Amino acid sequence: MDDIINNVDQGVKERLLVAGIREVELHGFNDFSLRRVASLCNLSCAAPYRHFKGKEELLVEIFKYINSRWQMLAGEIEKAFDNDAGRRLRELCTAYLRFLIVTPSYLSMIFQKNQLTEEIAKLPQPDAFLGEQVELYGAEKGWDGAKCDETQYRLRAMIYGTALIIRNCEKGEENSLVDKFRQDLEFIK
């Protein structure tokens, strides 16, 4: 019986996390409302407090939840292109861009992370993989630290800039902009 209750509670918690993501997308962090999150789940306004201490804890858990999804995807890409550092880096950058497109709240969280709470600010950087992959690629190419830093900066600017452009573009333009992004990554051989 306890297993059934735990499974139901876990299902409610996940529904609250997903609804919280939607709430961030619709209202941002400053106007985030636990009452609206509960309403999106057709739950009482007290329901979120059975799973989270409050708004801040739910926001931390949302960030962790989304970040864990990205980490799983990045891990799969790393394994798939284990023997080709350039291809792995290009595929990770493209996947990261697509992830930011389909999870716009994650992009918002990245840019506002330090404004939220100390606990969120202490979480791992969502794009830490980028630095690691650039260093691996750079080592293969014989780059020095400055060249790796420059490339990492360039890739971040490309990813975040393209994600923001796509966020504000007309429907249907996303694929052509992602294709353009992939072409721009050809400097990584």
N, C-alpha and C. Protein backbone atom coordinates (compact mmCIF):
# COMPACT_ATOMS: atom_id res chain seq x y z
N MET A 1 0.82 -1.20 0.00
CA MET A 1 0.00 0.00 0.00
C MET A 1 0.86 1.26 0.00
N ASP A 2 1.95 1.21 0.80
CA ASP A 2 2.85 2.37 0.85
C ASP A 2 3.47 2.66 -0.52
N ASP A 3 3.78 1.60 -1.28
CA ASP A 3 4.35 1.78 -2.63
C ASP A 3 3.37 2.52 -3.53
N ILE A 4 2.11 2.19 -3.44
CA ILE A 4 1.08 2.85 -4.26
C ILE A 4 1.00 4.33 -3.90
N ILE A 5 0.99 4.62 -2.62
CA ILE A 5 0.92 6.02 -2.17
C ILE A 5 2.16 6.78 -2.62
N ASN A 6 3.34 6.16 -2.48
CA ASN A 6 4.58 6.82 -2.92
C ASN A 6 4.56 7.08 -4.42
N ASN A 7 4.07 6.13 -5.21
CA ASN A 7 3.98 6.33 -6.67
C ASN A 7 3.03 7.45 -7.02
N VAL A 8 1.89 7.52 -6.33
CA VAL A 8 0.92 8.61 -6.57
C VAL A 8 1.55 9.94 -6.19
N ASP A 9 2.21 10.00 -5.03
CA ASP A 9 2.87 11.23 -4.60
C ASP A 9 3.95 11.66 -5.59
N GLN A 10 4.73 10.70 -6.09
CA GLN A 10 5.76 11.01 -7.08
C GLN A 10 5.14 11.55 -8.36
N GLY A 11 4.02 10.95 -8.77
CA GLY A 11 3.31 11.44 -9.96
C GLY A 11 2.81 12.85 -9.78
N VAL A 12 2.30 13.17 -8.62
CA VAL A 12 1.81 14.53 -8.33
C VAL A 12 2.99 15.49 -8.32
N LYS A 13 4.10 15.08 -7.70
CA LYS A 13 5.29 15.94 -7.65
C LYS A 13 5.78 16.25 -9.06
N GLU A 14 5.83 15.23 -9.92
CA GLU A 14 6.29 15.46 -11.29
C GLU A 14 5.31 16.37 -12.04
N ARG A 15 4.02 16.19 -11.83
CA ARG A 15 3.02 17.08 -12.45
C ARG A 15 3.23 18.52 -11.98
N LEU A 16 3.53 18.70 -10.70
CA LEU A 16 3.80 20.04 -10.18
C LEU A 16 5.06 20.64 -10.81
N LEU A 17 6.08 19.82 -11.00
CA LEU A 17 7.31 20.30 -11.65
C LEU A 17 7.03 20.75 -13.08
N VAL A 18 6.30 19.92 -13.82
CA VAL A 18 5.99 20.25 -15.21
C VAL A 18 5.11 21.51 -15.27
N ALA A 19 4.13 21.59 -14.38
CA ALA A 19 3.28 22.79 -14.33
C ALA A 19 4.10 24.01 -13.92
N GLY A 20 5.08 23.80 -13.03
CA GLY A 20 5.96 24.90 -12.63
C GLY A 20 6.79 25.42 -13.80
N ILE A 21 7.22 24.51 -14.66
CA ILE A 21 7.96 24.90 -15.86
C ILE A 21 7.06 25.77 -16.73
N ARG A 22 5.83 25.34 -16.90
CA ARG A 22 4.87 26.11 -17.71
C ARG A 22 4.62 27.48 -17.08
N GLU A 23 4.53 27.52 -15.77
CA GLU A 23 4.31 28.79 -15.05
C GLU A 23 5.48 29.74 -15.29
N VAL A 24 6.70 29.22 -15.25
CA VAL A 24 7.87 30.07 -15.52
C VAL A 24 7.80 30.60 -16.95
N GLU A 25 7.42 29.74 -17.90
CA GLU A 25 7.34 30.17 -19.29
C GLU A 25 6.28 31.25 -19.48
N LEU A 26 5.16 31.14 -18.78
CA LEU A 26 4.06 32.10 -18.94
C LEU A 26 4.26 33.39 -18.16
N HIS A 27 4.83 33.27 -16.94
CA HIS A 27 4.85 34.43 -16.04
C HIS A 27 6.23 34.83 -15.54
N GLY A 28 7.25 34.06 -15.88
CA GLY A 28 8.58 34.39 -15.40
C GLY A 28 8.74 34.08 -13.92
N PHE A 29 9.85 34.50 -13.37
CA PHE A 29 10.15 34.20 -11.97
C PHE A 29 9.53 35.20 -11.01
N ASN A 30 9.51 36.46 -11.42
CA ASN A 30 9.00 37.49 -10.52
C ASN A 30 7.52 37.36 -10.24
N ASP A 31 6.77 36.81 -11.19
CA ASP A 31 5.33 36.66 -11.02
C ASP A 31 4.94 35.19 -10.88
N PHE A 32 5.87 34.35 -10.48
CA PHE A 32 5.64 32.91 -10.30
C PHE A 32 4.65 32.71 -9.16
N SER A 33 3.65 31.86 -9.39
CA SER A 33 2.60 31.65 -8.39
C SER A 33 2.36 30.16 -8.15
N LEU A 34 2.51 29.75 -6.89
CA LEU A 34 2.21 28.36 -6.53
C LEU A 34 0.72 28.07 -6.71
N ARG A 35 -0.11 29.06 -6.50
CA ARG A 35 -1.56 28.88 -6.68
C ARG A 35 -1.87 28.52 -8.14
N ARG A 36 -1.22 29.23 -9.08
CA ARG A 36 -1.45 28.92 -10.50
C ARG A 36 -0.87 27.56 -10.87
N VAL A 37 0.27 27.20 -10.28
CA VAL A 37 0.87 25.88 -10.53
C VAL A 37 -0.12 24.80 -10.10
N ALA A 38 -0.68 24.94 -8.91
CA ALA A 38 -1.67 23.97 -8.42
C ALA A 38 -2.87 23.92 -9.34
N SER A 39 -3.32 25.08 -9.78
CA SER A 39 -4.48 25.15 -10.67
C SER A 39 -4.21 24.44 -11.99
N LEU A 40 -3.01 24.60 -12.53
CA LEU A 40 -2.65 23.91 -13.78
C LEU A 40 -2.73 22.39 -13.62
N CYS A 41 -2.54 21.91 -12.39
CA CYS A 41 -2.60 20.47 -12.11
C CYS A 41 -3.98 20.02 -11.62
N ASN A 42 -4.90 20.98 -11.56
CA ASN A 42 -6.23 20.69 -10.98
C ASN A 42 -6.11 20.17 -9.55
N LEU A 43 -5.24 20.80 -8.77
CA LEU A 43 -5.03 20.44 -7.37
C LEU A 43 -5.39 21.63 -6.49
N SER A 44 -5.55 21.36 -5.22
CA SER A 44 -5.83 22.46 -4.28
C SER A 44 -4.59 23.33 -4.15
N CYS A 45 -4.78 24.56 -3.70
CA CYS A 45 -3.62 25.46 -3.57
C CYS A 45 -2.69 25.01 -2.44
N ALA A 46 -3.12 24.09 -1.60
CA ALA A 46 -2.25 23.56 -0.55
C ALA A 46 -1.37 22.41 -1.07
N ALA A 47 -1.75 21.80 -2.18
CA ALA A 47 -1.04 20.61 -2.69
C ALA A 47 0.46 20.84 -2.90
N PRO A 48 0.90 21.96 -3.48
CA PRO A 48 2.35 22.12 -3.68
C PRO A 48 3.13 22.07 -2.37
N TYR A 49 2.50 22.50 -1.27
CA TYR A 49 3.20 22.54 0.02
C TYR A 49 3.36 21.15 0.64
N ARG A 50 2.70 20.16 0.10
CA ARG A 50 2.90 18.79 0.55
C ARG A 50 4.17 18.20 -0.08
N HIS A 51 4.66 18.82 -1.13
CA HIS A 51 5.83 18.31 -1.85
C HIS A 51 7.02 19.26 -1.80
N PHE A 52 6.76 20.54 -1.59
CA PHE A 52 7.82 21.56 -1.59
C PHE A 52 7.56 22.52 -0.43
N LYS A 53 8.64 23.02 0.16
CA LYS A 53 8.50 23.95 1.29
C LYS A 53 7.88 25.27 0.85
N GLY A 54 8.08 25.62 -0.40
CA GLY A 54 7.55 26.88 -0.91
C GLY A 54 8.02 27.13 -2.33
N LYS A 55 7.80 28.33 -2.77
CA LYS A 55 8.12 28.74 -4.14
C LYS A 55 9.60 28.52 -4.47
N GLU A 56 10.47 28.95 -3.57
CA GLU A 56 11.92 28.85 -3.83
C GLU A 56 12.34 27.39 -4.02
N GLU A 57 11.84 26.50 -3.18
CA GLU A 57 12.22 25.09 -3.31
C GLU A 57 11.69 24.51 -4.61
N LEU A 58 10.48 24.88 -5.00
CA LEU A 58 9.94 24.40 -6.27
C LEU A 58 10.78 24.90 -7.44
N LEU A 59 11.20 26.16 -7.40
CA LEU A 59 12.05 26.69 -8.47
C LEU A 59 13.39 25.96 -8.54
N VAL A 60 13.97 25.65 -7.39
CA VAL A 60 15.22 24.89 -7.37
C VAL A 60 14.99 23.51 -7.98
N GLU A 61 13.91 22.87 -7.61
CA GLU A 61 13.61 21.53 -8.13
C GLU A 61 13.31 21.56 -9.63
N ILE A 62 12.66 22.62 -10.10
CA ILE A 62 12.41 22.77 -11.54
C ILE A 62 13.74 22.86 -12.27
N PHE A 63 14.64 23.68 -11.77
CA PHE A 63 15.95 23.83 -12.40
C PHE A 63 16.68 22.48 -12.43
N LYS A 64 16.66 21.76 -11.31
CA LYS A 64 17.30 20.45 -11.25
C LYS A 64 16.65 19.47 -12.22
N TYR A 65 15.34 19.50 -12.29
CA TYR A 65 14.58 18.59 -13.16
C TYR A 65 14.95 18.81 -14.62
N ILE A 66 14.92 20.07 -15.05
CA ILE A 66 15.26 20.37 -16.44
C ILE A 66 16.72 20.05 -16.71
N ASN A 67 17.58 20.42 -15.78
CA ASN A 67 19.01 20.16 -15.94
C ASN A 67 19.28 18.66 -16.05
N SER A 68 18.56 17.84 -15.28
CA SER A 68 18.78 16.39 -15.36
C SER A 68 18.38 15.86 -16.73
N ARG A 69 17.34 16.44 -17.33
CA ARG A 69 16.93 16.02 -18.68
C ARG A 69 18.03 16.35 -19.69
N TRP A 70 18.60 17.54 -19.55
CA TRP A 70 19.68 17.93 -20.45
C TRP A 70 20.89 17.02 -20.25
N GLN A 71 21.25 16.74 -19.00
CA GLN A 71 22.42 15.92 -18.73
C GLN A 71 22.25 14.52 -19.33
N MET A 72 21.05 13.95 -19.29
CA MET A 72 20.81 12.64 -19.91
C MET A 72 21.05 12.71 -21.41
N LEU A 73 20.49 13.73 -22.05
CA LEU A 73 20.65 13.89 -23.50
C LEU A 73 22.12 14.09 -23.85
N ALA A 74 22.80 14.96 -23.13
CA ALA A 74 24.23 15.21 -23.40
C ALA A 74 25.05 13.94 -23.23
N GLY A 75 24.73 13.15 -22.21
CA GLY A 75 25.44 11.90 -22.00
C GLY A 75 25.27 10.93 -23.16
N GLU A 76 24.07 10.86 -23.71
CA GLU A 76 23.82 9.99 -24.86
C GLU A 76 24.63 10.45 -26.08
N ILE A 77 24.70 11.74 -26.29
CA ILE A 77 25.45 12.28 -27.43
C ILE A 77 26.95 12.02 -27.24
N GLU A 78 27.43 12.22 -26.02
CA GLU A 78 28.84 11.96 -25.75
C GLU A 78 29.21 10.51 -26.06
N LYS A 79 28.35 9.58 -25.68
CA LYS A 79 28.62 8.16 -25.95
C LYS A 79 28.55 7.87 -27.45
N ALA A 80 27.58 8.46 -28.13
CA ALA A 80 27.39 8.18 -29.55
C ALA A 80 28.57 8.66 -30.40
N PHE A 81 29.23 9.73 -29.97
CA PHE A 81 30.33 10.30 -30.76
C PHE A 81 31.62 10.30 -29.96
N ASP A 82 31.83 9.24 -29.23
CA ASP A 82 32.97 9.11 -28.32
C ASP A 82 34.32 9.23 -29.03
N ASN A 83 34.40 8.78 -30.27
CA ASN A 83 35.69 8.72 -30.97
C ASN A 83 35.96 9.92 -31.88
N ASP A 84 35.08 10.90 -31.89
CA ASP A 84 35.23 12.04 -32.78
C ASP A 84 34.90 13.32 -32.01
N ALA A 85 35.92 13.96 -31.45
CA ALA A 85 35.72 15.13 -30.59
C ALA A 85 35.04 16.29 -31.33
N GLY A 86 35.40 16.50 -32.60
CA GLY A 86 34.79 17.58 -33.37
C GLY A 86 33.31 17.34 -33.61
N ARG A 87 32.99 16.16 -34.06
CA ARG A 87 31.58 15.82 -34.32
C ARG A 87 30.78 15.86 -33.02
N ARG A 88 31.37 15.32 -31.94
CA ARG A 88 30.69 15.33 -30.64
C ARG A 88 30.38 16.76 -30.20
N LEU A 89 31.35 17.65 -30.35
CA LEU A 89 31.14 19.04 -29.96
C LEU A 89 30.06 19.70 -30.81
N ARG A 90 30.08 19.47 -32.12
CA ARG A 90 29.05 20.04 -33.00
C ARG A 90 27.66 19.50 -32.63
N GLU A 91 27.58 18.19 -32.42
CA GLU A 91 26.28 17.58 -32.08
C GLU A 91 25.77 18.06 -30.72
N LEU A 92 26.67 18.21 -29.75
CA LEU A 92 26.26 18.71 -28.43
C LEU A 92 25.76 20.15 -28.52
N CYS A 93 26.46 20.97 -29.29
CA CYS A 93 26.03 22.37 -29.45
C CYS A 93 24.65 22.44 -30.11
N THR A 94 24.46 21.65 -31.15
CA THR A 94 23.17 21.65 -31.84
C THR A 94 22.06 21.11 -30.94
N ALA A 95 22.36 20.04 -30.21
CA ALA A 95 21.36 19.48 -29.29
C ALA A 95 21.03 20.48 -28.19
N TYR A 96 22.04 21.18 -27.70
CA TYR A 96 21.82 22.18 -26.65
C TYR A 96 20.92 23.30 -27.18
N LEU A 97 21.17 23.75 -28.40
CA LEU A 97 20.32 24.78 -29.00
C LEU A 97 18.88 24.28 -29.10
N ARG A 98 18.70 23.08 -29.63
CA ARG A 98 17.34 22.52 -29.75
C ARG A 98 16.68 22.36 -28.38
N PHE A 99 17.46 21.97 -27.37
CA PHE A 99 16.94 21.82 -26.02
C PHE A 99 16.46 23.18 -25.49
N LEU A 100 17.22 24.22 -25.75
CA LEU A 100 16.82 25.56 -25.30
C LEU A 100 15.57 26.05 -26.04
N ILE A 101 15.41 25.62 -27.28
CA ILE A 101 14.23 26.00 -28.05
C ILE A 101 12.97 25.34 -27.48
N VAL A 102 13.05 24.06 -27.20
CA VAL A 102 11.87 23.35 -26.71
C VAL A 102 11.65 23.53 -25.21
N THR A 103 12.64 24.06 -24.51
CA THR A 103 12.52 24.30 -23.07
C THR A 103 12.89 25.76 -22.79
N PRO A 104 12.05 26.70 -23.23
CA PRO A 104 12.40 28.11 -23.07
C PRO A 104 12.59 28.53 -21.62
N SER A 105 11.95 27.85 -20.69
CA SER A 105 12.12 28.21 -19.28
C SER A 105 13.56 27.95 -18.83
N TYR A 106 14.22 26.98 -19.44
CA TYR A 106 15.61 26.68 -19.08
C TYR A 106 16.51 27.85 -19.46
N LEU A 107 16.28 28.41 -20.63
CA LEU A 107 17.06 29.57 -21.06
C LEU A 107 16.85 30.72 -20.08
N SER A 108 15.61 30.95 -19.69
CA SER A 108 15.32 32.00 -18.72
C SER A 108 16.02 31.73 -17.40
N MET A 109 16.00 30.47 -16.98
CA MET A 109 16.65 30.12 -15.71
C MET A 109 18.16 30.33 -15.77
N ILE A 110 18.75 30.03 -16.91
CA ILE A 110 20.19 30.23 -17.05
C ILE A 110 20.53 31.70 -16.87
N PHE A 111 19.76 32.57 -17.53
CA PHE A 111 20.07 33.99 -17.48
C PHE A 111 19.69 34.64 -16.16
N GLN A 112 18.75 34.06 -15.43
CA GLN A 112 18.31 34.65 -14.17
C GLN A 112 18.76 33.85 -12.96
N LYS A 113 19.55 32.82 -13.20
CA LYS A 113 19.94 31.89 -12.14
C LYS A 113 20.50 32.61 -10.91
N ASN A 114 21.38 33.53 -11.11
CA ASN A 114 22.02 34.20 -9.97
C ASN A 114 21.08 35.18 -9.26
N GLN A 115 19.97 35.51 -9.88
CA GLN A 115 19.01 36.42 -9.26
C GLN A 115 17.96 35.68 -8.44
N LEU A 116 17.94 34.35 -8.51
CA LEU A 116 16.87 33.61 -7.87
C LEU A 116 17.18 33.33 -6.40
N THR A 117 17.97 32.37 -6.13
CA THR A 117 18.31 32.04 -4.75
C THR A 117 19.75 31.57 -4.71
N GLU A 118 20.30 31.57 -3.52
CA GLU A 118 21.66 31.06 -3.36
C GLU A 118 21.74 29.60 -3.75
N GLU A 119 20.69 28.83 -3.42
CA GLU A 119 20.72 27.41 -3.71
C GLU A 119 20.77 27.15 -5.22
N ILE A 120 19.99 27.92 -5.99
CA ILE A 120 20.02 27.76 -7.44
C ILE A 120 21.37 28.21 -7.98
N ALA A 121 21.91 29.29 -7.43
CA ALA A 121 23.20 29.79 -7.90
C ALA A 121 24.32 28.78 -7.66
N LYS A 122 24.16 27.89 -6.67
CA LYS A 122 25.18 26.90 -6.35
C LYS A 122 25.10 25.67 -7.24
N LEU A 123 24.01 25.51 -7.97
CA LEU A 123 23.86 24.32 -8.82
C LEU A 123 24.86 24.35 -9.97
N PRO A 124 25.18 23.19 -10.53
CA PRO A 124 26.16 23.14 -11.63
C PRO A 124 25.70 23.99 -12.82
N GLN A 125 26.66 24.60 -13.47
CA GLN A 125 26.34 25.38 -14.66
C GLN A 125 25.78 24.46 -15.72
N PRO A 126 24.65 24.82 -16.33
CA PRO A 126 24.03 23.94 -17.31
C PRO A 126 24.88 23.71 -18.55
N ASP A 127 25.75 24.63 -18.86
CA ASP A 127 26.57 24.45 -20.05
C ASP A 127 28.03 24.14 -19.70
N ALA A 128 28.24 23.57 -18.52
CA ALA A 128 29.59 23.19 -18.13
C ALA A 128 30.19 22.19 -19.11
N PHE A 129 29.33 21.38 -19.73
CA PHE A 129 29.80 20.40 -20.72
C PHE A 129 30.55 21.08 -21.85
N LEU A 130 30.13 22.31 -22.17
CA LEU A 130 30.72 23.01 -23.30
C LEU A 130 32.22 23.24 -23.08
N GLY A 131 32.57 23.73 -21.90
CA GLY A 131 33.97 23.96 -21.59
C GLY A 131 34.78 22.68 -21.64
N GLU A 132 34.20 21.61 -21.08
CA GLU A 132 34.89 20.32 -21.08
C GLU A 132 35.11 19.82 -22.50
N GLN A 133 34.08 19.92 -23.33
CA GLN A 133 34.18 19.42 -24.70
C GLN A 133 35.14 20.27 -25.55
N VAL A 134 35.12 21.57 -25.33
CA VAL A 134 36.04 22.44 -26.07
C VAL A 134 37.48 22.11 -25.67
N GLU A 135 37.71 21.86 -24.39
CA GLU A 135 39.07 21.50 -23.95
C GLU A 135 39.52 20.17 -24.56
N LEU A 136 38.61 19.20 -24.62
CA LEU A 136 38.95 17.92 -25.25
C LEU A 136 39.28 18.10 -26.74
N TYR A 137 38.45 18.86 -27.41
CA TYR A 137 38.67 19.14 -28.83
C TYR A 137 39.96 19.93 -29.02
N GLY A 138 40.15 20.95 -28.17
CA GLY A 138 41.35 21.77 -28.26
C GLY A 138 42.63 20.98 -28.02
N ALA A 139 42.57 20.05 -27.07
CA ALA A 139 43.75 19.20 -26.80
C ALA A 139 44.09 18.37 -28.03
N GLU A 140 43.04 17.87 -28.70
CA GLU A 140 43.25 17.08 -29.92
C GLU A 140 43.88 17.94 -31.02
N LYS A 141 43.51 19.22 -31.06
CA LYS A 141 44.02 20.13 -32.10
C LYS A 141 45.29 20.86 -31.69
N GLY A 142 45.73 20.68 -30.43
CA GLY A 142 46.94 21.34 -29.96
C GLY A 142 46.72 22.81 -29.60
N TRP A 143 45.52 23.18 -29.24
CA TRP A 143 45.22 24.56 -28.87
C TRP A 143 45.75 24.89 -27.48
N ASP A 144 46.05 26.17 -27.29
CA ASP A 144 46.39 26.64 -25.95
C ASP A 144 45.11 27.06 -25.23
N GLY A 145 45.25 27.43 -23.96
CA GLY A 145 44.09 27.81 -23.14
C GLY A 145 43.32 28.99 -23.70
N ALA A 146 44.04 29.97 -24.26
CA ALA A 146 43.38 31.15 -24.81
C ALA A 146 42.49 30.79 -26.00
N LYS A 147 42.96 29.91 -26.86
CA LYS A 147 42.17 29.48 -28.02
C LYS A 147 40.93 28.71 -27.55
N CYS A 148 41.07 27.89 -26.53
CA CYS A 148 39.92 27.15 -25.98
C CYS A 148 38.90 28.13 -25.38
N ASP A 149 39.39 29.11 -24.62
CA ASP A 149 38.48 30.10 -24.02
C ASP A 149 37.74 30.89 -25.10
N GLU A 150 38.46 31.29 -26.14
CA GLU A 150 37.86 32.03 -27.25
C GLU A 150 36.78 31.20 -27.94
N THR A 151 37.07 29.93 -28.16
CA THR A 151 36.11 29.05 -28.84
C THR A 151 34.89 28.81 -27.95
N GLN A 152 35.12 28.62 -26.68
CA GLN A 152 34.00 28.42 -25.75
C GLN A 152 33.10 29.66 -25.74
N TYR A 153 33.69 30.83 -25.68
CA TYR A 153 32.92 32.08 -25.72
C TYR A 153 32.12 32.17 -27.02
N ARG A 154 32.78 31.89 -28.11
CA ARG A 154 32.13 31.96 -29.43
C ARG A 154 30.93 31.01 -29.50
N LEU A 155 31.11 29.78 -29.02
CA LEU A 155 30.02 28.80 -29.06
C LEU A 155 28.86 29.21 -28.17
N ARG A 156 29.16 29.70 -26.97
CA ARG A 156 28.08 30.17 -26.08
C ARG A 156 27.30 31.30 -26.73
N ALA A 157 28.03 32.24 -27.31
CA ALA A 157 27.36 33.37 -27.97
C ALA A 157 26.47 32.86 -29.11
N MET A 158 26.98 31.92 -29.88
CA MET A 158 26.19 31.37 -30.99
C MET A 158 24.94 30.65 -30.48
N ILE A 159 25.11 29.82 -29.46
CA ILE A 159 23.98 29.03 -28.94
C ILE A 159 22.93 29.95 -28.34
N TYR A 160 23.33 30.80 -27.40
CA TYR A 160 22.35 31.65 -26.72
C TYR A 160 21.76 32.68 -27.67
N GLY A 161 22.59 33.24 -28.53
CA GLY A 161 22.08 34.22 -29.48
C GLY A 161 21.06 33.61 -30.44
N THR A 162 21.38 32.44 -30.96
CA THR A 162 20.46 31.77 -31.88
C THR A 162 19.17 31.38 -31.16
N ALA A 163 19.29 30.89 -29.93
CA ALA A 163 18.10 30.53 -29.15
C ALA A 163 17.19 31.74 -28.95
N LEU A 164 17.78 32.88 -28.64
CA LEU A 164 16.97 34.10 -28.44
C LEU A 164 16.35 34.58 -29.75
N ILE A 165 17.09 34.48 -30.84
CA ILE A 165 16.54 34.86 -32.14
C ILE A 165 15.36 33.95 -32.48
N ILE A 166 15.54 32.65 -32.29
CA ILE A 166 14.47 31.70 -32.59
C ILE A 166 13.26 31.93 -31.70
N ARG A 167 13.51 32.28 -30.46
CA ARG A 167 12.41 32.56 -29.52
C ARG A 167 11.51 33.68 -30.04
N ASN A 168 12.09 34.59 -30.80
CA ASN A 168 11.34 35.76 -31.28
C ASN A 168 11.02 35.72 -32.77
N CYS A 169 11.28 34.59 -33.42
CA CYS A 169 11.04 34.53 -34.86
C CYS A 169 9.63 34.04 -35.16
N GLU A 170 9.29 34.11 -36.40
CA GLU A 170 7.99 33.61 -36.87
C GLU A 170 7.99 32.09 -36.83
N LYS A 171 6.83 31.52 -36.57
CA LYS A 171 6.70 30.06 -36.59
C LYS A 171 7.14 29.52 -37.95
N GLY A 172 7.83 28.41 -37.94
CA GLY A 172 8.28 27.80 -39.18
C GLY A 172 9.71 28.17 -39.57
N GLU A 173 10.25 29.22 -38.96
CA GLU A 173 11.62 29.64 -39.28
C GLU A 173 12.67 28.88 -38.46
N GLU A 174 12.22 28.17 -37.42
CA GLU A 174 13.16 27.54 -36.50
C GLU A 174 14.12 26.59 -37.20
N ASN A 175 13.59 25.72 -38.05
CA ASN A 175 14.45 24.73 -38.70
C ASN A 175 15.51 25.36 -39.58
N SER A 176 15.15 26.40 -40.32
CA SER A 176 16.16 27.03 -41.17
C SER A 176 17.23 27.72 -40.33
N LEU A 177 16.85 28.27 -39.18
CA LEU A 177 17.85 28.90 -38.31
C LEU A 177 18.74 27.86 -37.64
N VAL A 178 18.18 26.71 -37.28
CA VAL A 178 19.01 25.64 -36.73
C VAL A 178 19.97 25.13 -37.80
N ASP A 179 19.49 25.01 -39.04
CA ASP A 179 20.37 24.59 -40.15
C ASP A 179 21.50 25.60 -40.34
N LYS A 180 21.20 26.88 -40.27
CA LYS A 180 22.21 27.93 -40.40
C LYS A 180 23.22 27.81 -39.25
N PHE A 181 22.71 27.56 -38.05
CA PHE A 181 23.57 27.37 -36.89
C PHE A 181 24.54 26.20 -37.13
N ARG A 182 24.01 25.08 -37.63
CA ARG A 182 24.86 23.91 -37.91
C ARG A 182 25.95 24.25 -38.93
N GLN A 183 25.58 25.02 -39.93
CA GLN A 183 26.58 25.43 -40.93
C GLN A 183 27.67 26.27 -40.29
N ASP A 184 27.26 27.15 -39.38
CA ASP A 184 28.22 28.02 -38.71
C ASP A 184 29.18 27.24 -37.80
N LEU A 185 28.80 26.03 -37.42
CA LEU A 185 29.66 25.19 -36.58
C LEU A 185 30.73 24.47 -37.39
N GLU A 186 30.74 24.64 -38.67
CA GLU A 186 31.70 23.92 -39.52
C GLU A 186 33.15 24.33 -39.26
N PHE A 187 33.37 25.41 -38.50
CA PHE A 187 34.74 25.74 -38.16
C PHE A 187 35.34 24.70 -37.22
N ILE A 188 34.46 23.87 -36.61
CA ILE A 188 34.91 22.75 -35.79
C ILE A 188 34.93 21.52 -36.69
N LYS A 189 36.09 21.09 -37.08
CA LYS A 189 36.24 19.95 -38.01
C LYS A 189 36.42 18.67 -37.27
